[in-house]
Amino acid sequence: AAAAGEVTLSITEAEMTSYLAQQLSQQTGDVTLTDPQAYFRDGRM
């Protein structure tokens, strides 16, 4: 929000996995996703 010009954002596997776990912990309903693991390998997530 405070940046301007060219910026670079680097996201690690631990950050993405933890963020997804945090978001998934708020799910409601009969079908849920748990235990996410996000790997950034071979040009793919």
ModelCIF file with pLDDT and N, C-alpha, C, O atoms, coordinates in Angstrom:
data_MODEL
#
_entry.id   MODEL 
#
_entity.id                         1 
_entity.type                       polymer 
_entity.pdbx_number_of_molecules   1 
#
_entity_poly.entity_id                      1 
_entity_poly.type                           'polypeptide(L)' 
_entity_poly.nstd_linkage                   no 
_entity_poly.nstd_monomer                   no 
_entity_poly.pdbx_seq_one_letter_code       AAAAGEVTLSITEAEMTSYLAQQLSQQTGDVTLTDPQAYFRDGRM 
_entity_poly.pdbx_seq_one_letter_code_can   AAAAGEVTLSITEAEMTSYLAQQLSQQTGDVTLTDPQAYFRDGRM 
_entity_poly.pdbx_strand_id                 A 
#
loop_
_entity_poly_seq.entity_id 
_entity_poly_seq.num 
_entity_poly_seq.mon_id 
_entity_poly_seq.hetero 
1 1  ALA n 
1 2  ALA n 
1 3  ALA n 
1 4  ALA n 
1 5  GLY n 
1 6  GLU n 
1 7  VAL n 
1 8  THR n 
1 9  LEU n 
1 10 SER n 
1 11 ILE n 
1 12 THR n 
1 13 GLU n 
1 14 ALA n 
1 15 GLU n 
1 16 MET n 
1 17 THR n 
1 18 SER n 
1 19 TYR n 
1 20 LEU n 
1 21 ALA n 
1 22 GLN n 
1 23 GLN n 
1 24 LEU n 
1 25 SER n 
1 26 GLN n 
1 27 GLN n 
1 28 THR n 
1 29 GLY n 
1 30 ASP n 
1 31 VAL n 
1 32 THR n 
1 33 LEU n 
1 34 THR n 
1 35 ASP n 
1 36 PRO n 
1 37 GLN n 
1 38 ALA n 
1 39 TYR n 
1 40 PHE n 
1 41 ARG n 
1 42 ASP n 
1 43 GLY n 
1 44 ARG n 
1 45 MET n 
#
_struct_asym.id          A 
_struct_asym.entity_id   1 
#
loop_
_ma_qa_metric.id 
_ma_qa_metric.mode 
_ma_qa_metric.name 
_ma_qa_metric.software_group_id 
_ma_qa_metric.type 
1 global pLDDT . pLDDT 
2 local  pLDDT . pLDDT 
#
_ma_qa_metric_global.metric_id      1 
_ma_qa_metric_global.metric_value   89.44 
_ma_qa_metric_global.model_id       1 
_ma_qa_metric_global.ordinal_id     1 
#
loop_
_ma_qa_metric_local.label_asym_id 
_ma_qa_metric_local.label_comp_id 
_ma_qa_metric_local.label_seq_id 
_ma_qa_metric_local.metric_id 
_ma_qa_metric_local.metric_value 
_ma_qa_metric_local.model_id 
_ma_qa_metric_local.ordinal_id 
A ALA 1  2 82.00 1 1  
A ALA 2  2 86.00 1 2  
A ALA 3  2 88.00 1 3  
A ALA 4  2 88.00 1 4  
A GLY 5  2 92.00 1 5  
A GLU 6  2 95.00 1 6  
A VAL 7  2 93.00 1 7  
A THR 8  2 95.00 1 8  
A LEU 9  2 93.00 1 9  
A SER 10 2 96.00 1 10 
A ILE 11 2 94.00 1 11 
A THR 12 2 97.00 1 12 
A GLU 13 2 97.00 1 13 
A ALA 14 2 97.00 1 14 
A GLU 15 2 95.00 1 15 
A MET 16 2 92.00 1 16 
A THR 17 2 94.00 1 17 
A SER 18 2 95.00 1 18 
A TYR 19 2 90.00 1 19 
A LEU 20 2 88.00 1 20 
A ALA 21 2 91.00 1 21 
A GLN 22 2 90.00 1 22 
A GLN 23 2 85.00 1 23 
A LEU 24 2 82.00 1 24 
A SER 25 2 86.00 1 25 
A GLN 26 2 83.00 1 26 
A GLN 27 2 76.00 1 27 
A THR 28 2 77.00 1 28 
A GLY 29 2 75.00 1 29 
A ASP 30 2 77.00 1 30 
A VAL 31 2 74.00 1 31 
A THR 32 2 78.00 1 32 
A LEU 33 2 80.00 1 33 
A THR 34 2 88.00 1 34 
A ASP 35 2 93.00 1 35 
A PRO 36 2 91.00 1 36 
A GLN 37 2 95.00 1 37 
A ALA 38 2 94.00 1 38 
A TYR 39 2 97.00 1 39 
A PHE 40 2 96.00 1 40 
A ARG 41 2 94.00 1 41 
A ASP 42 2 91.00 1 42 
A GLY 43 2 95.00 1 43 
A ARG 44 2 96.00 1 44 
A MET 45 2 94.00 1 45 
#
loop_
_atom_site.group_PDB 
_atom_site.id 
_atom_site.type_symbol 
_atom_site.label_atom_id 
_atom_site.label_alt_id 
_atom_site.label_comp_id 
_atom_site.label_asym_id 
_atom_site.label_entity_id 
_atom_site.label_seq_id 
_atom_site.pdbx_PDB_ins_code 
_atom_site.Cartn_x 
_atom_site.Cartn_y 
_atom_site.Cartn_z 
_atom_site.occupancy 
_atom_site.B_iso_or_equiv 
_atom_site.pdbx_formal_charge 
_atom_site.auth_seq_id 
_atom_site.auth_comp_id 
_atom_site.auth_asym_id 
_atom_site.auth_atom_id 
_atom_site.pdbx_PDB_model_num 
ATOM 1   N N  . ALA A 1 1  ? 0.827   -1.210  0.000   1.00 82.00 ? 1  ALA A N  1 
ATOM 2   C CA . ALA A 1 1  ? 0.000   0.000   0.000   1.00 82.00 ? 1  ALA A CA 1 
ATOM 3   C C  . ALA A 1 1  ? 0.862   1.261   0.000   1.00 82.00 ? 1  ALA A C  1 
ATOM 4   O O  . ALA A 1 1  ? 0.448   2.294   -0.526  1.00 82.00 ? 1  ALA A O  1 
ATOM 5   N N  . ALA A 1 2  ? 2.053   1.183   0.585   1.00 86.00 ? 2  ALA A N  1 
ATOM 6   C CA . ALA A 1 2  ? 2.935   2.346   0.654   1.00 86.00 ? 2  ALA A CA 1 
ATOM 7   C C  . ALA A 1 2  ? 3.973   2.356   -0.463  1.00 86.00 ? 2  ALA A C  1 
ATOM 8   O O  . ALA A 1 2  ? 4.766   3.293   -0.555  1.00 86.00 ? 2  ALA A O  1 
ATOM 9   N N  . ALA A 1 3  ? 3.982   1.332   -1.311  1.00 88.00 ? 3  ALA A N  1 
ATOM 10  C CA . ALA A 1 3  ? 5.001   1.213   -2.355  1.00 88.00 ? 3  ALA A CA 1 
ATOM 11  C C  . ALA A 1 3  ? 4.572   1.926   -3.634  1.00 88.00 ? 3  ALA A C  1 
ATOM 12  O O  . ALA A 1 3  ? 3.390   2.164   -3.881  1.00 88.00 ? 3  ALA A O  1 
ATOM 13  N N  . ALA A 1 4  ? 5.582   2.254   -4.432  1.00 88.00 ? 4  ALA A N  1 
ATOM 14  C CA . ALA A 1 4  ? 5.339   2.831   -5.753  1.00 88.00 ? 4  ALA A CA 1 
ATOM 15  C C  . ALA A 1 4  ? 6.472   2.381   -6.667  1.00 88.00 ? 4  ALA A C  1 
ATOM 16  O O  . ALA A 1 4  ? 7.555   2.029   -6.200  1.00 88.00 ? 4  ALA A O  1 
ATOM 17  N N  . GLY A 1 5  ? 6.213   2.396   -7.977  1.00 92.00 ? 5  GLY A N  1 
ATOM 18  C CA . GLY A 1 5  ? 7.225   1.960   -8.938  1.00 92.00 ? 5  GLY A CA 1 
ATOM 19  C C  . GLY A 1 5  ? 7.220   0.446   -9.065  1.00 92.00 ? 5  GLY A C  1 
ATOM 20  O O  . GLY A 1 5  ? 6.200   -0.209  -8.853  1.00 92.00 ? 5  GLY A O  1 
ATOM 21  N N  . GLU A 1 6  ? 8.385   -0.101  -9.416  1.00 95.00 ? 6  GLU A N  1 
ATOM 22  C CA . GLU A 1 6  ? 8.474   -1.552  -9.576  1.00 95.00 ? 6  GLU A CA 1 
ATOM 23  C C  . GLU A 1 6  ? 8.724   -2.213  -8.224  1.00 95.00 ? 6  GLU A C  1 
ATOM 24  O O  . GLU A 1 6  ? 9.601   -1.790  -7.472  1.00 95.00 ? 6  GLU A O  1 
ATOM 25  N N  . VAL A 1 7  ? 7.955   -3.244  -7.922  1.00 93.00 ? 7  VAL A N  1 
ATOM 26  C CA . VAL A 1 7  ? 8.091   -3.973  -6.658  1.00 93.00 ? 7  VAL A CA 1 
ATOM 27  C C  . VAL A 1 7  ? 8.178   -5.464  -6.947  1.00 93.00 ? 7  VAL A C  1 
ATOM 28  O O  . VAL A 1 7  ? 7.698   -5.950  -7.971  1.00 93.00 ? 7  VAL A O  1 
ATOM 29  N N  . THR A 1 8  ? 8.797   -6.168  -6.028  1.00 95.00 ? 8  THR A N  1 
ATOM 30  C CA . THR A 1 8  ? 8.890   -7.626  -6.123  1.00 95.00 ? 8  THR A CA 1 
ATOM 31  C C  . THR A 1 8  ? 8.342   -8.212  -4.838  1.00 95.00 ? 8  THR A C  1 
ATOM 32  O O  . THR A 1 8  ? 8.730   -7.819  -3.737  1.00 95.00 ? 8  THR A O  1 
ATOM 33  N N  . LEU A 1 9  ? 7.433   -9.160  -4.999  1.00 93.00 ? 9  LEU A N  1 
ATOM 34  C CA . LEU A 1 9  ? 6.831   -9.855  -3.871  1.00 93.00 ? 9  LEU A CA 1 
ATOM 35  C C  . LEU A 1 9  ? 7.245   -11.311 -3.959  1.00 93.00 ? 9  LEU A C  1 
ATOM 36  O O  . LEU A 1 9  ? 6.915   -11.991 -4.930  1.00 93.00 ? 9  LEU A O  1 
ATOM 37  N N  . SER A 1 10 ? 7.966   -11.798 -2.956  1.00 96.00 ? 10 SER A N  1 
ATOM 38  C CA . SER A 1 10 ? 8.382   -13.200 -2.913  1.00 96.00 ? 10 SER A CA 1 
ATOM 39  C C  . SER A 1 10 ? 7.575   -13.915 -1.845  1.00 96.00 ? 10 SER A C  1 
ATOM 40  O O  . SER A 1 10 ? 7.527   -13.489 -0.691  1.00 96.00 ? 10 SER A O  1 
ATOM 41  N N  . ILE A 1 11 ? 6.943   -15.009 -2.247  1.00 94.00 ? 11 ILE A N  1 
ATOM 42  C CA . ILE A 1 11 ? 6.101   -15.795 -1.333  1.00 94.00 ? 11 ILE A CA 1 
ATOM 43  C C  . ILE A 1 11 ? 6.736   -17.169 -1.185  1.00 94.00 ? 11 ILE A C  1 
ATOM 44  O O  . ILE A 1 11 ? 6.996   -17.853 -2.175  1.00 94.00 ? 11 ILE A O  1 
ATOM 45  N N  . THR A 1 12 ? 6.982   -17.567 0.059   1.00 97.00 ? 12 THR A N  1 
ATOM 46  C CA . THR A 1 12 ? 7.592   -18.870 0.310   1.00 97.00 ? 12 THR A CA 1 
ATOM 47  C C  . THR A 1 12 ? 6.517   -19.946 0.455   1.00 97.00 ? 12 THR A C  1 
ATOM 48  O O  . THR A 1 12 ? 5.337   -19.648 0.635   1.00 97.00 ? 12 THR A O  1 
ATOM 49  N N  . GLU A 1 13 ? 6.948   -21.185 0.373   1.00 97.00 ? 13 GLU A N  1 
ATOM 50  C CA . GLU A 1 13 ? 6.030   -22.306 0.571   1.00 97.00 ? 13 GLU A CA 1 
ATOM 51  C C  . GLU A 1 13 ? 5.422   -22.274 1.965   1.00 97.00 ? 13 GLU A C  1 
ATOM 52  O O  . GLU A 1 13 ? 4.235   -22.551 2.136   1.00 97.00 ? 13 GLU A O  1 
ATOM 53  N N  . ALA A 1 14 ? 6.237   -21.934 2.964   1.00 97.00 ? 14 ALA A N  1 
ATOM 54  C CA . ALA A 1 14 ? 5.732   -21.881 4.344   1.00 97.00 ? 14 ALA A CA 1 
ATOM 55  C C  . ALA A 1 14 ? 4.678   -20.791 4.496   1.00 97.00 ? 14 ALA A C  1 
ATOM 56  O O  . ALA A 1 14 ? 3.673   -20.992 5.179   1.00 97.00 ? 14 ALA A O  1 
ATOM 57  N N  . GLU A 1 15 ? 4.897   -19.640 3.865   1.00 95.00 ? 15 GLU A N  1 
ATOM 58  C CA . GLU A 1 15 ? 3.913   -18.553 3.947   1.00 95.00 ? 15 GLU A CA 1 
ATOM 59  C C  . GLU A 1 15 ? 2.603   -18.948 3.275   1.00 95.00 ? 15 GLU A C  1 
ATOM 60  O O  . GLU A 1 15 ? 1.530   -18.737 3.839   1.00 95.00 ? 15 GLU A O  1 
ATOM 61  N N  . MET A 1 16 ? 2.681   -19.520 2.076   1.00 92.00 ? 16 MET A N  1 
ATOM 62  C CA . MET A 1 16 ? 1.462   -19.891 1.359   1.00 92.00 ? 16 MET A CA 1 
ATOM 63  C C  . MET A 1 16 ? 0.727   -21.017 2.077   1.00 92.00 ? 16 MET A C  1 
ATOM 64  O O  . MET A 1 16 ? -0.495  -20.964 2.217   1.00 92.00 ? 16 MET A O  1 
ATOM 65  N N  . THR A 1 17 ? 1.454   -22.032 2.533   1.00 94.00 ? 17 THR A N  1 
ATOM 66  C CA . THR A 1 17 ? 0.827   -23.146 3.248   1.00 94.00 ? 17 THR A CA 1 
ATOM 67  C C  . THR A 1 17 ? 0.135   -22.653 4.511   1.00 94.00 ? 17 THR A C  1 
ATOM 68  O O  . THR A 1 17 ? -1.002  -23.037 4.785   1.00 94.00 ? 17 THR A O  1 
ATOM 69  N N  . SER A 1 18 ? 0.807   -21.809 5.276   1.00 95.00 ? 18 SER A N  1 
ATOM 70  C CA . SER A 1 18 ? 0.241   -21.295 6.520   1.00 95.00 ? 18 SER A CA 1 
ATOM 71  C C  . SER A 1 18 ? -0.950  -20.385 6.258   1.00 95.00 ? 18 SER A C  1 
ATOM 72  O O  . SER A 1 18 ? -1.940  -20.428 6.989   1.00 95.00 ? 18 SER A O  1 
ATOM 73  N N  . TYR A 1 19 ? -0.861  -19.559 5.217   1.00 90.00 ? 19 TYR A N  1 
ATOM 74  C CA . TYR A 1 19 ? -1.969  -18.672 4.857   1.00 90.00 ? 19 TYR A CA 1 
ATOM 75  C C  . TYR A 1 19 ? -3.188  -19.505 4.446   1.00 90.00 ? 19 TYR A C  1 
ATOM 76  O O  . TYR A 1 19 ? -4.306  -19.223 4.877   1.00 90.00 ? 19 TYR A O  1 
ATOM 77  N N  . LEU A 1 20 ? -2.975  -20.528 3.614   1.00 88.00 ? 20 LEU A N  1 
ATOM 78  C CA . LEU A 1 20 ? -4.073  -21.396 3.198   1.00 88.00 ? 20 LEU A CA 1 
ATOM 79  C C  . LEU A 1 20 ? -4.695  -22.112 4.400   1.00 88.00 ? 20 LEU A C  1 
ATOM 80  O O  . LEU A 1 20 ? -5.918  -22.211 4.500   1.00 88.00 ? 20 LEU A O  1 
ATOM 81  N N  . ALA A 1 21 ? -3.860  -22.606 5.302   1.00 91.00 ? 21 ALA A N  1 
ATOM 82  C CA . ALA A 1 21 ? -4.368  -23.296 6.501   1.00 91.00 ? 21 ALA A CA 1 
ATOM 83  C C  . ALA A 1 21 ? -5.223  -22.342 7.330   1.00 91.00 ? 21 ALA A C  1 
ATOM 84  O O  . ALA A 1 21 ? -6.270  -22.726 7.852   1.00 91.00 ? 21 ALA A O  1 
ATOM 85  N N  . GLN A 1 22 ? -4.765  -21.094 7.445   1.00 90.00 ? 22 GLN A N  1 
ATOM 86  C CA . GLN A 1 22 ? -5.522  -20.087 8.194   1.00 90.00 ? 22 GLN A CA 1 
ATOM 87  C C  . GLN A 1 22 ? -6.876  -19.830 7.525   1.00 90.00 ? 22 GLN A C  1 
ATOM 88  O O  . GLN A 1 22 ? -7.900  -19.764 8.206   1.00 90.00 ? 22 GLN A O  1 
ATOM 89  N N  . GLN A 1 23 ? -6.887  -19.687 6.204   1.00 85.00 ? 23 GLN A N  1 
ATOM 90  C CA . GLN A 1 23 ? -8.133  -19.440 5.481   1.00 85.00 ? 23 GLN A CA 1 
ATOM 91  C C  . GLN A 1 23 ? -9.071  -20.643 5.559   1.00 85.00 ? 23 GLN A C  1 
ATOM 92  O O  . GLN A 1 23 ? -10.279 -20.483 5.734   1.00 85.00 ? 23 GLN A O  1 
ATOM 93  N N  . LEU A 1 24 ? -8.513  -21.846 5.428   1.00 82.00 ? 24 LEU A N  1 
ATOM 94  C CA . LEU A 1 24 ? -9.336  -23.058 5.455   1.00 82.00 ? 24 LEU A CA 1 
ATOM 95  C C  . LEU A 1 24 ? -9.918  -23.326 6.839   1.00 82.00 ? 24 LEU A C  1 
ATOM 96  O O  . LEU A 1 24 ? -10.940 -24.002 6.958   1.00 82.00 ? 24 LEU A O  1 
ATOM 97  N N  . SER A 1 25 ? -9.282  -22.805 7.882   1.00 86.00 ? 25 SER A N  1 
ATOM 98  C CA . SER A 1 25 ? -9.790  -23.023 9.240   1.00 86.00 ? 25 SER A CA 1 
ATOM 99  C C  . SER A 1 25 ? -11.128 -22.312 9.458   1.00 86.00 ? 25 SER A C  1 
ATOM 100 O O  . SER A 1 25 ? -11.823 -22.593 10.434  1.00 86.00 ? 25 SER A O  1 
ATOM 101 N N  . GLN A 1 26 ? -11.488 -21.410 8.572   1.00 83.00 ? 26 GLN A N  1 
ATOM 102 C CA . GLN A 1 26 ? -12.736 -20.658 8.690   1.00 83.00 ? 26 GLN A CA 1 
ATOM 103 C C  . GLN A 1 26 ? -13.866 -21.253 7.852   1.00 83.00 ? 26 GLN A C  1 
ATOM 104 O O  . GLN A 1 26 ? -14.942 -20.662 7.756   1.00 83.00 ? 26 GLN A O  1 
ATOM 105 N N  . GLN A 1 27 ? -13.630 -22.421 7.244   1.00 76.00 ? 27 GLN A N  1 
ATOM 106 C CA . GLN A 1 27 ? -14.651 -23.052 6.404   1.00 76.00 ? 27 GLN A CA 1 
ATOM 107 C C  . GLN A 1 27 ? -15.845 -23.518 7.221   1.00 76.00 ? 27 GLN A C  1 
ATOM 108 O O  . GLN A 1 27 ? -15.735 -23.863 8.397   1.00 76.00 ? 27 GLN A O  1 
ATOM 109 N N  . THR A 1 28 ? -16.970 -23.512 6.560   1.00 77.00 ? 28 THR A N  1 
ATOM 110 C CA . THR A 1 28 ? -18.167 -24.109 7.130   1.00 77.00 ? 28 THR A CA 1 
ATOM 111 C C  . THR A 1 28 ? -18.778 -25.001 6.062   1.00 77.00 ? 28 THR A C  1 
ATOM 112 O O  . THR A 1 28 ? -18.482 -24.847 4.877   1.00 77.00 ? 28 THR A O  1 
ATOM 113 N N  . GLY A 1 29 ? -19.616 -25.919 6.467   1.00 75.00 ? 29 GLY A N  1 
ATOM 114 C CA . GLY A 1 29 ? -20.280 -26.785 5.499   1.00 75.00 ? 29 GLY A CA 1 
ATOM 115 C C  . GLY A 1 29 ? -19.906 -28.239 5.693   1.00 75.00 ? 29 GLY A C  1 
ATOM 116 O O  . GLY A 1 29 ? -19.070 -28.582 6.529   1.00 75.00 ? 29 GLY A O  1 
ATOM 117 N N  . ASP A 1 30 ? -20.538 -29.079 4.907   1.00 77.00 ? 30 ASP A N  1 
ATOM 118 C CA . ASP A 1 30 ? -20.330 -30.517 5.018   1.00 77.00 ? 30 ASP A CA 1 
ATOM 119 C C  . ASP A 1 30 ? -19.006 -30.982 4.414   1.00 77.00 ? 30 ASP A C  1 
ATOM 120 O O  . ASP A 1 30 ? -18.420 -31.957 4.884   1.00 77.00 ? 30 ASP A O  1 
ATOM 121 N N  . VAL A 1 31 ? -18.535 -30.294 3.383   1.00 74.00 ? 31 VAL A N  1 
ATOM 122 C CA . VAL A 1 31 ? -17.292 -30.683 2.720   1.00 74.00 ? 31 VAL A CA 1 
ATOM 123 C C  . VAL A 1 31 ? -16.246 -29.630 3.026   1.00 74.00 ? 31 VAL A C  1 
ATOM 124 O O  . VAL A 1 31 ? -16.455 -28.442 2.777   1.00 74.00 ? 31 VAL A O  1 
ATOM 125 N N  . THR A 1 32 ? -15.116 -30.072 3.569   1.00 78.00 ? 32 THR A N  1 
ATOM 126 C CA . THR A 1 32 ? -14.048 -29.145 3.918   1.00 78.00 ? 32 THR A CA 1 
ATOM 127 C C  . THR A 1 32 ? -12.710 -29.641 3.386   1.00 78.00 ? 32 THR A C  1 
ATOM 128 O O  . THR A 1 32 ? -12.529 -30.827 3.110   1.00 78.00 ? 32 THR A O  1 
ATOM 129 N N  . LEU A 1 33 ? -11.794 -28.714 3.252   1.00 80.00 ? 33 LEU A N  1 
ATOM 130 C CA . LEU A 1 33 ? -10.407 -29.013 2.914   1.00 80.00 ? 33 LEU A CA 1 
ATOM 131 C C  . LEU A 1 33 ? -9.577  -28.798 4.166   1.00 80.00 ? 33 LEU A C  1 
ATOM 132 O O  . LEU A 1 33 ? -9.777  -27.825 4.892   1.00 80.00 ? 33 LEU A O  1 
ATOM 133 N N  . THR A 1 34 ? -8.650  -29.703 4.416   1.00 88.00 ? 34 THR A N  1 
ATOM 134 C CA . THR A 1 34 ? -7.766  -29.564 5.574   1.00 88.00 ? 34 THR A CA 1 
ATOM 135 C C  . THR A 1 34 ? -6.341  -29.908 5.162   1.00 88.00 ? 34 THR A C  1 
ATOM 136 O O  . THR A 1 34 ? -6.099  -30.384 4.053   1.00 88.00 ? 34 THR A O  1 
ATOM 137 N N  . ASP A 1 35 ? -5.425  -29.666 6.047   1.00 93.00 ? 35 ASP A N  1 
ATOM 138 C CA . ASP A 1 35 ? -4.013  -30.048 5.902   1.00 93.00 ? 35 ASP A CA 1 
ATOM 139 C C  . ASP A 1 35 ? -3.389  -29.613 4.580   1.00 93.00 ? 35 ASP A C  1 
ATOM 140 O O  . ASP A 1 35 ? -2.790  -30.441 3.894   1.00 93.00 ? 35 ASP A O  1 
ATOM 141 N N  . PRO A 1 36 ? -3.511  -28.332 4.195   1.00 91.00 ? 36 PRO A N  1 
ATOM 142 C CA . PRO A 1 36 ? -2.925  -27.916 2.921   1.00 91.00 ? 36 PRO A CA 1 
ATOM 143 C C  . PRO A 1 36 ? -1.398  -27.940 2.977   1.00 91.00 ? 36 PRO A C  1 
ATOM 144 O O  . PRO A 1 36 ? -0.792  -27.699 4.021   1.00 91.00 ? 36 PRO A O  1 
ATOM 145 N N  . GLN A 1 37 ? -0.809  -28.230 1.853   1.00 95.00 ? 37 GLN A N  1 
ATOM 146 C CA . GLN A 1 37 ? 0.635   -28.166 1.676   1.00 95.00 ? 37 GLN A CA 1 
ATOM 147 C C  . GLN A 1 37 ? 0.867   -27.582 0.288   1.00 95.00 ? 37 GLN A C  1 
ATOM 148 O O  . GLN A 1 37 ? 0.524   -28.216 -0.709  1.00 95.00 ? 37 GLN A O  1 
ATOM 149 N N  . ALA A 1 38 ? 1.444   -26.383 0.205   1.00 94.00 ? 38 ALA A N  1 
ATOM 150 C CA . ALA A 1 38 ? 1.681   -25.716 -1.078  1.00 94.00 ? 38 ALA A CA 1 
ATOM 151 C C  . ALA A 1 38 ? 3.176   -25.746 -1.387  1.00 94.00 ? 38 ALA A C  1 
ATOM 152 O O  . ALA A 1 38 ? 3.994   -25.227 -0.627  1.00 94.00 ? 38 ALA A O  1 
ATOM 153 N N  . TYR A 1 39 ? 3.511   -26.355 -2.503  1.00 97.00 ? 39 TYR A N  1 
ATOM 154 C CA . TYR A 1 39 ? 4.902   -26.460 -2.933  1.00 97.00 ? 39 TYR A CA 1 
ATOM 155 C C  . TYR A 1 39 ? 5.081   -25.684 -4.230  1.00 97.00 ? 39 TYR A C  1 
ATOM 156 O O  . TYR A 1 39 ? 4.267   -25.802 -5.146  1.00 97.00 ? 39 TYR A O  1 
ATOM 157 N N  . PHE A 1 40 ? 6.143   -24.894 -4.309  1.00 96.00 ? 40 PHE A N  1 
ATOM 158 C CA . PHE A 1 40 ? 6.489   -24.155 -5.517  1.00 96.00 ? 40 PHE A CA 1 
ATOM 159 C C  . PHE A 1 40 ? 7.667   -24.869 -6.166  1.00 96.00 ? 40 PHE A C  1 
ATOM 160 O O  . PHE A 1 40 ? 8.822   -24.620 -5.820  1.00 96.00 ? 40 PHE A O  1 
ATOM 161 N N  . ARG A 1 41 ? 7.371   -25.748 -7.100  1.00 94.00 ? 41 ARG A N  1 
ATOM 162 C CA . ARG A 1 41 ? 8.413   -26.569 -7.731  1.00 94.00 ? 41 ARG A CA 1 
ATOM 163 C C  . ARG A 1 41 ? 8.134   -26.707 -9.225  1.00 94.00 ? 41 ARG A C  1 
ATOM 164 O O  . ARG A 1 41 ? 6.982   -26.680 -9.659  1.00 94.00 ? 41 ARG A O  1 
ATOM 165 N N  . ASP A 1 42 ? 9.189   -26.853 -9.991  1.00 91.00 ? 42 ASP A N  1 
ATOM 166 C CA . ASP A 1 42 ? 9.078   -27.164 -11.424 1.00 91.00 ? 42 ASP A CA 1 
ATOM 167 C C  . ASP A 1 42 ? 8.187   -26.177 -12.175 1.00 91.00 ? 42 ASP A C  1 
ATOM 168 O O  . ASP A 1 42 ? 7.494   -26.572 -13.113 1.00 91.00 ? 42 ASP A O  1 
ATOM 169 N N  . GLY A 1 43 ? 8.189   -24.901 -11.780 1.00 95.00 ? 43 GLY A N  1 
ATOM 170 C CA . GLY A 1 43 ? 7.403   -23.889 -12.468 1.00 95.00 ? 43 GLY A CA 1 
ATOM 171 C C  . GLY A 1 43 ? 5.912   -23.939 -12.168 1.00 95.00 ? 43 GLY A C  1 
ATOM 172 O O  . GLY A 1 43 ? 5.129   -23.256 -12.828 1.00 95.00 ? 43 GLY A O  1 
ATOM 173 N N  . ARG A 1 44 ? 5.509   -24.734 -11.187 1.00 96.00 ? 44 ARG A N  1 
ATOM 174 C CA . ARG A 1 44 ? 4.096   -24.916 -10.856 1.00 96.00 ? 44 ARG A CA 1 
ATOM 175 C C  . ARG A 1 44 ? 3.906   -24.859 -9.337  1.00 96.00 ? 44 ARG A C  1 
ATOM 176 O O  . ARG A 1 44 ? 4.844   -25.065 -8.567  1.00 96.00 ? 44 ARG A O  1 
ATOM 177 N N  . MET A 1 45 ? 2.662   -24.575 -8.931  1.00 94.00 ? 45 MET A N  1 
ATOM 178 C CA . MET A 1 45 ? 2.304   -24.740 -7.530  1.00 94.00 ? 45 MET A CA 1 
ATOM 179 C C  . MET A 1 45 ? 1.595   -26.086 -7.427  1.00 94.00 ? 45 MET A C  1 
ATOM 180 O O  . MET A 1 45 ? 1.179   -26.483 -6.339  1.00 94.00 ? 45 MET A O  1 
#
